[in-house]
N, C-alpha and C. Protein backbone atom coordinates (compact mmCIF):
# COMPACT_ATOMS: atom_id res chain seq x y z
N MET A 1 0.83 -1.19 0.00
CA MET A 1 0.00 0.00 0.00
C MET A 1 0.87 1.26 0.00
N PHE A 2 1.69 1.44 1.04
CA PHE A 2 2.63 2.56 1.10
C PHE A 2 4.03 1.98 1.22
N SER A 3 4.98 2.58 0.52
CA SER A 3 6.36 2.11 0.64
C SER A 3 7.28 3.18 1.22
N LYS A 4 6.90 4.46 1.05
CA LYS A 4 7.70 5.56 1.58
C LYS A 4 6.77 6.59 2.21
N ILE A 5 6.93 6.78 3.51
CA ILE A 5 6.07 7.70 4.25
C ILE A 5 6.93 8.85 4.80
N LEU A 6 6.56 10.06 4.43
CA LEU A 6 7.21 11.27 4.94
C LEU A 6 6.41 11.77 6.13
N VAL A 7 7.07 11.93 7.27
CA VAL A 7 6.41 12.44 8.47
C VAL A 7 6.97 13.82 8.76
N ALA A 8 6.13 14.85 8.61
CA ALA A 8 6.54 16.23 8.86
C ALA A 8 6.25 16.57 10.32
N MET A 9 7.29 16.97 11.04
CA MET A 9 7.16 17.22 12.47
C MET A 9 7.68 18.60 12.84
N ASP A 10 7.21 19.07 13.99
CA ASP A 10 7.74 20.30 14.56
C ASP A 10 7.92 20.06 16.05
N ASN A 11 8.12 21.12 16.80
CA ASN A 11 8.33 21.00 18.25
C ASN A 11 7.04 21.13 19.05
N SER A 12 5.89 21.03 18.40
CA SER A 12 4.62 21.18 19.11
C SER A 12 4.27 19.91 19.89
N ALA A 13 3.30 20.04 20.79
CA ALA A 13 2.86 18.91 21.60
C ALA A 13 2.25 17.81 20.73
N SER A 14 1.60 18.18 19.64
CA SER A 14 0.93 17.18 18.79
C SER A 14 1.91 16.42 17.90
N SER A 15 3.16 16.83 17.88
CA SER A 15 4.16 16.19 17.03
C SER A 15 4.35 14.72 17.38
N GLN A 16 4.24 14.37 18.65
CA GLN A 16 4.39 12.97 19.06
C GLN A 16 3.30 12.11 18.44
N THR A 17 2.07 12.62 18.42
CA THR A 17 0.95 11.89 17.82
C THR A 17 1.16 11.72 16.32
N VAL A 18 1.66 12.75 15.67
CA VAL A 18 1.94 12.68 14.23
C VAL A 18 2.99 11.60 13.98
N PHE A 19 4.06 11.61 14.77
CA PHE A 19 5.11 10.60 14.62
C PHE A 19 4.55 9.19 14.84
N GLU A 20 3.80 9.01 15.92
CA GLU A 20 3.24 7.69 16.22
C GLU A 20 2.34 7.20 15.09
N SER A 21 1.58 8.10 14.50
CA SER A 21 0.71 7.72 13.38
C SER A 21 1.53 7.23 12.20
N GLY A 22 2.58 7.97 11.87
CA GLY A 22 3.45 7.56 10.77
C GLY A 22 4.16 6.24 11.06
N LEU A 23 4.60 6.06 12.29
CA LEU A 23 5.30 4.84 12.67
C LEU A 23 4.38 3.62 12.59
N VAL A 24 3.17 3.74 13.10
CA VAL A 24 2.21 2.63 13.05
C VAL A 24 1.90 2.26 11.60
N LEU A 25 1.69 3.26 10.77
CA LEU A 25 1.42 2.99 9.35
C LEU A 25 2.62 2.34 8.66
N ALA A 26 3.82 2.81 8.98
CA ALA A 26 5.03 2.24 8.37
C ALA A 26 5.21 0.78 8.79
N LYS A 27 4.96 0.49 10.06
CA LYS A 27 5.08 -0.89 10.52
C LYS A 27 4.03 -1.77 9.85
N ALA A 28 2.81 -1.27 9.74
CA ALA A 28 1.72 -2.07 9.17
C ALA A 28 1.92 -2.34 7.68
N THR A 29 2.56 -1.40 6.98
CA THR A 29 2.73 -1.55 5.53
C THR A 29 4.17 -1.87 5.12
N GLU A 30 5.05 -2.04 6.13
CA GLU A 30 6.47 -2.30 5.89
C GLU A 30 7.10 -1.21 5.02
N ALA A 31 6.73 0.03 5.32
CA ALA A 31 7.23 1.18 4.57
C ALA A 31 8.47 1.78 5.25
N GLU A 32 9.21 2.56 4.48
CA GLU A 32 10.32 3.34 5.01
C GLU A 32 9.76 4.66 5.53
N LEU A 33 10.46 5.26 6.49
CA LEU A 33 10.07 6.57 7.01
C LEU A 33 11.14 7.60 6.71
N MET A 34 10.69 8.80 6.39
CA MET A 34 11.56 9.97 6.32
C MET A 34 10.95 10.97 7.30
N LEU A 35 11.70 11.33 8.33
CA LEU A 35 11.24 12.32 9.30
C LEU A 35 11.80 13.68 8.89
N LEU A 36 10.93 14.67 8.86
CA LEU A 36 11.32 16.01 8.41
C LEU A 36 10.95 17.06 9.45
N HIS A 37 11.89 17.94 9.73
CA HIS A 37 11.62 19.14 10.53
C HIS A 37 12.05 20.33 9.69
N VAL A 38 11.12 21.24 9.44
CA VAL A 38 11.43 22.44 8.67
C VAL A 38 11.70 23.58 9.65
N LEU A 39 12.88 24.17 9.54
CA LEU A 39 13.22 25.33 10.35
C LEU A 39 12.52 26.54 9.73
N SER A 40 11.58 27.09 10.47
CA SER A 40 10.75 28.15 9.93
C SER A 40 10.44 29.20 10.99
N LEU A 41 10.32 30.43 10.56
CA LEU A 41 9.94 31.50 11.48
C LEU A 41 8.49 31.34 11.95
N GLU A 42 7.71 30.51 11.24
CA GLU A 42 6.31 30.31 11.59
C GLU A 42 6.12 29.34 12.75
N GLU A 43 7.14 28.55 13.07
CA GLU A 43 6.99 27.52 14.10
C GLU A 43 6.96 28.12 15.49
N GLU A 44 6.14 27.52 16.34
CA GLU A 44 6.08 27.91 17.74
C GLU A 44 7.46 27.72 18.37
N GLY A 45 7.91 28.69 19.14
CA GLY A 45 9.19 28.56 19.81
C GLY A 45 10.39 29.03 19.00
N THR A 46 10.14 29.52 17.78
CA THR A 46 11.23 30.02 16.95
C THR A 46 11.75 31.32 17.56
N PRO A 47 13.06 31.48 17.65
CA PRO A 47 13.59 32.75 18.17
C PRO A 47 13.14 33.92 17.29
N VAL A 48 12.82 35.02 17.92
CA VAL A 48 12.38 36.21 17.20
C VAL A 48 13.60 37.00 16.77
N SER A 49 13.68 37.30 15.50
CA SER A 49 14.82 38.03 14.96
C SER A 49 14.83 39.46 15.50
N PRO A 50 15.99 39.93 15.93
CA PRO A 50 16.08 41.31 16.40
C PRO A 50 15.89 42.32 15.26
N LEU A 51 15.97 41.84 14.03
CA LEU A 51 15.80 42.73 12.89
C LEU A 51 14.33 43.01 12.60
N LEU A 52 13.44 42.20 13.21
CA LEU A 52 12.01 42.42 13.02
C LEU A 52 11.53 43.35 14.12
N SER A 53 10.94 44.45 13.74
CA SER A 53 10.41 45.36 14.74
C SER A 53 8.92 45.50 14.52
N SER A 54 8.23 45.95 15.55
CA SER A 54 6.80 46.17 15.40
C SER A 54 6.55 47.67 15.38
N LEU A 55 5.31 48.03 15.23
CA LEU A 55 4.97 49.45 15.23
C LEU A 55 5.12 50.05 16.61
N ASP A 56 5.06 49.19 17.65
CA ASP A 56 5.10 49.68 19.03
C ASP A 56 6.51 49.89 19.58
N TYR A 57 7.45 49.12 19.08
CA TYR A 57 8.79 49.23 19.62
C TYR A 57 9.84 48.87 18.58
N TYR A 58 11.06 49.25 18.87
CA TYR A 58 12.18 48.92 18.00
C TYR A 58 13.31 48.42 18.88
N ILE A 59 13.86 47.27 18.55
CA ILE A 59 14.97 46.71 19.32
C ILE A 59 16.27 47.20 18.68
N PRO A 60 17.10 47.90 19.44
CA PRO A 60 18.38 48.32 18.87
C PRO A 60 19.22 47.10 18.52
N VAL A 61 19.79 47.10 17.33
CA VAL A 61 20.57 45.95 16.87
C VAL A 61 22.05 46.29 16.95
N ASN A 62 22.78 45.46 17.69
CA ASN A 62 24.23 45.59 17.76
C ASN A 62 24.82 44.18 17.74
N ASP A 63 26.13 44.08 17.84
CA ASP A 63 26.78 42.77 17.77
C ASP A 63 26.30 41.82 18.86
N ASP A 64 26.09 42.35 20.07
CA ASP A 64 25.63 41.50 21.18
C ASP A 64 24.24 40.94 20.89
N THR A 65 23.36 41.77 20.37
CA THR A 65 22.00 41.34 20.04
C THR A 65 22.03 40.24 18.99
N ILE A 66 22.86 40.43 17.99
CA ILE A 66 22.97 39.43 16.92
C ILE A 66 23.56 38.13 17.46
N GLN A 67 24.56 38.22 18.33
CA GLN A 67 25.14 37.01 18.94
C GLN A 67 24.10 36.25 19.76
N ILE A 68 23.32 36.97 20.53
CA ILE A 68 22.27 36.34 21.34
C ILE A 68 21.28 35.62 20.43
N TYR A 69 20.88 36.28 19.34
CA TYR A 69 19.95 35.66 18.39
C TYR A 69 20.56 34.41 17.76
N ARG A 70 21.82 34.48 17.37
CA ARG A 70 22.49 33.32 16.77
C ARG A 70 22.50 32.13 17.73
N LYS A 71 22.79 32.41 19.00
CA LYS A 71 22.80 31.33 20.00
C LYS A 71 21.40 30.75 20.18
N GLN A 72 20.38 31.61 20.19
CA GLN A 72 19.00 31.13 20.31
C GLN A 72 18.63 30.28 19.09
N TRP A 73 19.04 30.71 17.91
CA TRP A 73 18.74 29.95 16.69
C TRP A 73 19.46 28.61 16.69
N GLU A 74 20.72 28.61 17.14
CA GLU A 74 21.48 27.36 17.22
C GLU A 74 20.82 26.39 18.19
N THR A 75 20.34 26.89 19.31
CA THR A 75 19.61 26.05 20.27
C THR A 75 18.35 25.49 19.63
N PHE A 76 17.64 26.33 18.88
CA PHE A 76 16.43 25.90 18.17
C PHE A 76 16.76 24.79 17.17
N GLU A 77 17.82 24.96 16.40
CA GLU A 77 18.24 23.94 15.43
C GLU A 77 18.60 22.63 16.14
N ASN A 78 19.36 22.73 17.22
CA ASN A 78 19.79 21.54 17.96
C ASN A 78 18.61 20.80 18.58
N ARG A 79 17.62 21.55 19.06
CA ARG A 79 16.42 20.93 19.62
C ARG A 79 15.70 20.12 18.54
N GLY A 80 15.63 20.67 17.33
CA GLY A 80 15.01 19.96 16.21
C GLY A 80 15.77 18.70 15.85
N LEU A 81 17.10 18.80 15.80
CA LEU A 81 17.93 17.63 15.48
C LEU A 81 17.83 16.56 16.56
N ASP A 82 17.80 16.99 17.82
CA ASP A 82 17.64 16.02 18.92
C ASP A 82 16.32 15.28 18.81
N LEU A 83 15.27 16.01 18.48
CA LEU A 83 13.95 15.40 18.29
C LEU A 83 13.99 14.37 17.16
N LEU A 84 14.58 14.75 16.04
CA LEU A 84 14.66 13.85 14.89
C LEU A 84 15.50 12.61 15.20
N ARG A 85 16.63 12.79 15.86
CA ARG A 85 17.48 11.64 16.21
C ARG A 85 16.76 10.69 17.15
N SER A 86 16.10 11.26 18.14
CA SER A 86 15.37 10.44 19.12
C SER A 86 14.27 9.62 18.45
N ARG A 87 13.51 10.26 17.59
CA ARG A 87 12.41 9.56 16.92
C ARG A 87 12.92 8.58 15.87
N THR A 88 14.05 8.89 15.25
CA THR A 88 14.66 7.96 14.31
C THR A 88 15.11 6.70 15.05
N ASP A 89 15.73 6.88 16.21
CA ASP A 89 16.14 5.73 17.03
C ASP A 89 14.94 4.89 17.43
N GLU A 90 13.86 5.55 17.82
CA GLU A 90 12.64 4.85 18.23
C GLU A 90 12.07 4.02 17.07
N ALA A 91 12.00 4.62 15.89
CA ALA A 91 11.45 3.92 14.73
C ALA A 91 12.36 2.77 14.30
N THR A 92 13.66 3.01 14.31
CA THR A 92 14.62 1.97 13.93
C THR A 92 14.54 0.79 14.90
N SER A 93 14.41 1.09 16.19
CA SER A 93 14.25 0.03 17.19
C SER A 93 12.98 -0.77 16.97
N ALA A 94 11.98 -0.14 16.37
CA ALA A 94 10.72 -0.82 16.08
C ALA A 94 10.79 -1.60 14.76
N GLY A 95 11.96 -1.58 14.12
CA GLY A 95 12.15 -2.35 12.90
C GLY A 95 11.79 -1.61 11.62
N VAL A 96 11.68 -0.29 11.69
CA VAL A 96 11.32 0.50 10.51
C VAL A 96 12.56 1.24 10.01
N LYS A 97 12.88 1.05 8.73
CA LYS A 97 14.00 1.78 8.12
C LYS A 97 13.64 3.26 8.12
N THR A 98 14.48 4.06 8.78
CA THR A 98 14.15 5.47 8.99
C THR A 98 15.36 6.36 8.76
N GLU A 99 15.11 7.48 8.12
CA GLU A 99 16.12 8.53 7.97
C GLU A 99 15.47 9.86 8.31
N PHE A 100 16.28 10.89 8.47
CA PHE A 100 15.71 12.20 8.81
C PHE A 100 16.46 13.32 8.12
N THR A 101 15.79 14.46 8.05
CA THR A 101 16.42 15.67 7.54
C THR A 101 15.78 16.88 8.21
N GLN A 102 16.60 17.91 8.38
CA GLN A 102 16.12 19.18 8.90
C GLN A 102 16.61 20.25 7.94
N THR A 103 15.70 21.10 7.51
CA THR A 103 16.07 22.10 6.51
C THR A 103 15.29 23.39 6.75
N PRO A 104 15.90 24.54 6.48
CA PRO A 104 15.16 25.80 6.60
C PRO A 104 14.29 26.02 5.38
N GLY A 105 13.20 26.75 5.57
CA GLY A 105 12.37 27.09 4.42
C GLY A 105 10.92 27.30 4.78
N SER A 106 10.13 27.45 3.76
CA SER A 106 8.68 27.57 3.91
C SER A 106 8.15 26.15 4.14
N PRO A 107 7.46 25.90 5.26
CA PRO A 107 7.06 24.53 5.59
C PRO A 107 6.27 23.82 4.49
N GLY A 108 5.24 24.44 3.96
CA GLY A 108 4.42 23.79 2.95
C GLY A 108 5.21 23.40 1.71
N ARG A 109 5.95 24.36 1.17
CA ARG A 109 6.74 24.09 -0.03
C ARG A 109 7.83 23.05 0.22
N THR A 110 8.48 23.17 1.37
CA THR A 110 9.57 22.24 1.69
C THR A 110 9.05 20.82 1.83
N ILE A 111 7.92 20.65 2.48
CA ILE A 111 7.32 19.32 2.64
C ILE A 111 6.98 18.73 1.27
N CYS A 112 6.33 19.52 0.43
CA CYS A 112 5.95 19.03 -0.91
C CYS A 112 7.16 18.69 -1.76
N GLU A 113 8.19 19.54 -1.72
CA GLU A 113 9.40 19.29 -2.51
C GLU A 113 10.13 18.03 -2.06
N LEU A 114 10.28 17.86 -0.74
CA LEU A 114 10.97 16.68 -0.25
C LEU A 114 10.16 15.42 -0.58
N ALA A 115 8.85 15.49 -0.41
CA ALA A 115 8.00 14.33 -0.73
C ALA A 115 8.19 13.93 -2.19
N GLN A 116 8.22 14.91 -3.07
CA GLN A 116 8.40 14.65 -4.51
C GLN A 116 9.79 14.07 -4.79
N ASN A 117 10.82 14.72 -4.26
CA ASN A 117 12.20 14.30 -4.53
C ASN A 117 12.53 12.93 -3.93
N TRP A 118 11.98 12.63 -2.77
CA TRP A 118 12.26 11.37 -2.08
C TRP A 118 11.38 10.23 -2.61
N GLY A 119 10.31 10.59 -3.30
CA GLY A 119 9.40 9.58 -3.84
C GLY A 119 8.39 9.07 -2.83
N ALA A 120 7.99 9.93 -1.89
CA ALA A 120 7.00 9.52 -0.88
C ALA A 120 5.66 9.23 -1.54
N ASP A 121 4.97 8.23 -1.00
CA ASP A 121 3.61 7.99 -1.47
C ASP A 121 2.58 8.36 -0.41
N LEU A 122 3.05 8.84 0.75
CA LEU A 122 2.16 9.36 1.79
C LEU A 122 2.91 10.39 2.61
N ILE A 123 2.23 11.49 2.92
CA ILE A 123 2.75 12.50 3.85
C ILE A 123 1.85 12.45 5.08
N VAL A 124 2.47 12.33 6.26
CA VAL A 124 1.72 12.39 7.52
C VAL A 124 2.14 13.68 8.21
N MET A 125 1.16 14.49 8.58
CA MET A 125 1.46 15.76 9.22
C MET A 125 0.34 16.15 10.16
N GLY A 126 0.62 17.09 11.03
CA GLY A 126 -0.39 17.58 11.96
C GLY A 126 -1.07 18.81 11.42
N ARG A 127 -2.04 19.26 12.20
CA ARG A 127 -2.68 20.53 11.87
C ARG A 127 -2.99 21.24 13.17
N ARG A 128 -2.88 22.53 13.13
CA ARG A 128 -3.10 23.33 14.34
C ARG A 128 -4.57 23.65 14.57
N GLY A 129 -5.39 23.49 13.57
CA GLY A 129 -6.81 23.77 13.74
C GLY A 129 -7.16 25.23 13.54
N ARG A 130 -6.30 25.96 12.85
CA ARG A 130 -6.64 27.36 12.55
C ARG A 130 -7.81 27.38 11.59
N SER A 131 -8.63 28.38 11.74
CA SER A 131 -9.73 28.55 10.79
C SER A 131 -10.08 30.02 10.70
N GLY A 132 -10.89 30.33 9.74
CA GLY A 132 -11.37 31.70 9.59
C GLY A 132 -10.26 32.69 9.34
N LEU A 133 -10.31 33.79 10.08
CA LEU A 133 -9.39 34.90 9.87
C LEU A 133 -7.93 34.51 10.13
N SER A 134 -7.68 33.74 11.20
CA SER A 134 -6.29 33.38 11.50
C SER A 134 -5.69 32.52 10.38
N GLU A 135 -6.49 31.63 9.78
CA GLU A 135 -5.98 30.83 8.67
C GLU A 135 -5.74 31.71 7.45
N LEU A 136 -6.64 32.67 7.22
CA LEU A 136 -6.50 33.57 6.08
C LEU A 136 -5.23 34.40 6.20
N ILE A 137 -4.96 34.92 7.40
CA ILE A 137 -3.81 35.78 7.61
C ILE A 137 -2.52 34.97 7.72
N LEU A 138 -2.53 33.92 8.55
CA LEU A 138 -1.32 33.16 8.82
C LEU A 138 -1.08 32.02 7.84
N GLY A 139 -2.12 31.63 7.14
CA GLY A 139 -2.00 30.50 6.22
C GLY A 139 -2.11 29.18 6.95
N SER A 140 -2.17 28.14 6.21
CA SER A 140 -2.28 26.81 6.78
C SER A 140 -1.33 25.89 6.02
N VAL A 141 -0.36 25.36 6.73
CA VAL A 141 0.60 24.46 6.10
C VAL A 141 -0.11 23.21 5.62
N SER A 142 -0.99 22.64 6.45
CA SER A 142 -1.68 21.41 6.05
C SER A 142 -2.57 21.66 4.83
N ASN A 143 -3.19 22.82 4.76
CA ASN A 143 -4.02 23.15 3.60
C ASN A 143 -3.16 23.26 2.35
N TYR A 144 -2.02 23.92 2.46
CA TYR A 144 -1.11 24.06 1.32
C TYR A 144 -0.66 22.69 0.84
N VAL A 145 -0.21 21.85 1.77
CA VAL A 145 0.32 20.53 1.40
C VAL A 145 -0.78 19.68 0.78
N THR A 146 -1.96 19.71 1.36
CA THR A 146 -3.08 18.92 0.81
C THR A 146 -3.35 19.28 -0.64
N HIS A 147 -3.23 20.56 -0.97
CA HIS A 147 -3.55 21.01 -2.33
C HIS A 147 -2.38 20.97 -3.30
N HIS A 148 -1.15 20.83 -2.80
CA HIS A 148 0.01 20.89 -3.69
C HIS A 148 0.86 19.62 -3.72
N ALA A 149 0.63 18.69 -2.82
CA ALA A 149 1.44 17.47 -2.78
C ALA A 149 1.10 16.55 -3.95
N HIS A 150 2.09 15.83 -4.41
CA HIS A 150 1.91 14.88 -5.51
C HIS A 150 1.33 13.55 -5.03
N CYS A 151 1.25 13.36 -3.70
CA CYS A 151 0.82 12.08 -3.14
C CYS A 151 -0.27 12.29 -2.10
N SER A 152 -0.72 11.21 -1.50
CA SER A 152 -1.75 11.29 -0.46
C SER A 152 -1.21 11.99 0.77
N VAL A 153 -2.11 12.66 1.51
CA VAL A 153 -1.74 13.38 2.72
C VAL A 153 -2.68 12.97 3.84
N LEU A 154 -2.10 12.58 4.98
CA LEU A 154 -2.88 12.27 6.17
C LEU A 154 -2.62 13.37 7.18
N THR A 155 -3.66 14.12 7.54
CA THR A 155 -3.51 15.15 8.56
C THR A 155 -4.04 14.59 9.87
N VAL A 156 -3.24 14.72 10.91
CA VAL A 156 -3.56 14.17 12.22
C VAL A 156 -3.86 15.31 13.17
N GLN A 157 -4.99 15.21 13.85
CA GLN A 157 -5.33 16.22 14.85
C GLN A 157 -5.69 15.50 16.14
N GLY A 158 -5.05 15.88 17.23
CA GLY A 158 -5.35 15.25 18.50
C GLY A 158 -4.82 13.84 18.57
N LYS A 159 -5.26 13.11 19.57
CA LYS A 159 -4.82 11.72 19.75
C LYS A 159 -5.46 10.86 18.69
N ALA A 160 -4.65 10.19 17.92
CA ALA A 160 -5.15 9.37 16.81
C ALA A 160 -5.56 7.99 17.32
N ASN A 161 -6.86 7.77 17.41
CA ASN A 161 -7.36 6.48 17.87
C ASN A 161 -7.05 5.36 16.90
N PHE A 162 -6.98 5.69 15.62
CA PHE A 162 -6.74 4.63 14.64
C PHE A 162 -5.37 3.98 14.84
N CYS A 163 -4.44 4.72 15.42
CA CYS A 163 -3.10 4.15 15.66
C CYS A 163 -3.19 2.93 16.56
N THR A 164 -3.94 3.07 17.63
CA THR A 164 -4.10 1.96 18.56
C THR A 164 -4.79 0.80 17.88
N GLU A 165 -5.83 1.11 17.11
CA GLU A 165 -6.58 0.06 16.42
C GLU A 165 -5.70 -0.66 15.39
N VAL A 166 -4.94 0.10 14.60
CA VAL A 166 -4.06 -0.51 13.59
C VAL A 166 -2.99 -1.36 14.27
N ALA A 167 -2.42 -0.86 15.36
CA ALA A 167 -1.39 -1.61 16.08
C ALA A 167 -1.95 -2.92 16.61
N GLN A 168 -3.17 -2.88 17.16
CA GLN A 168 -3.81 -4.10 17.67
C GLN A 168 -4.07 -5.09 16.54
N LYS A 169 -4.59 -4.61 15.42
CA LYS A 169 -4.86 -5.48 14.27
C LYS A 169 -3.56 -6.09 13.75
N ASN A 170 -2.53 -5.27 13.67
CA ASN A 170 -1.23 -5.73 13.19
C ASN A 170 -0.68 -6.82 14.11
N GLN A 171 -0.82 -6.63 15.41
CA GLN A 171 -0.34 -7.62 16.38
C GLN A 171 -1.15 -8.91 16.26
N GLU A 172 -2.47 -8.79 16.08
CA GLU A 172 -3.32 -9.96 15.92
C GLU A 172 -2.91 -10.76 14.69
N LEU A 173 -2.61 -10.06 13.59
CA LEU A 173 -2.21 -10.73 12.35
C LEU A 173 -0.87 -11.44 12.50
N SER A 174 0.06 -10.82 13.23
CA SER A 174 1.37 -11.44 13.38
C SER A 174 1.33 -12.64 14.33
N VAL A 175 0.38 -12.66 15.25
CA VAL A 175 0.22 -13.78 16.18
C VAL A 175 -0.42 -14.96 15.47
N SER A 176 -1.35 -14.67 14.55
CA SER A 176 -2.09 -15.74 13.86
C SER A 176 -1.24 -16.59 12.96
């Protein structure tokens, strides 16, 4: 059914559920996993650039400010890599061939490009549940990917009950 599953993750709380969904599907279909984290200014927890100012205030930019920002960005990058390594180890221990990549860019475009280049036949990703005005202003990565990906897209919101069901069915089949 699926042979290559791309799992797009970030540092959000729902990322674990997205990963678990991709892992369960990969185990059930004997697919390979590619774990992706896109370094983006849109992600929760991204360091705020001192070069961005608002109408209310302006942050003076000097060498110290830039150094502080660089250190914050490096910490952000390392946190993403640690997450990817940890989940790669978990998937590999579960018997799933897994690799990972972390790259800067626009999340929607980057996910679609990697899926195309890697030959994914399924993208598993989360959604924040934005709607209305906030989606119009901020955009929706899951909406973009759903409309631009060359392959199927599974969007996961909240605790995925199907994961437990698929895992149970898979275990029943392997016991039989």
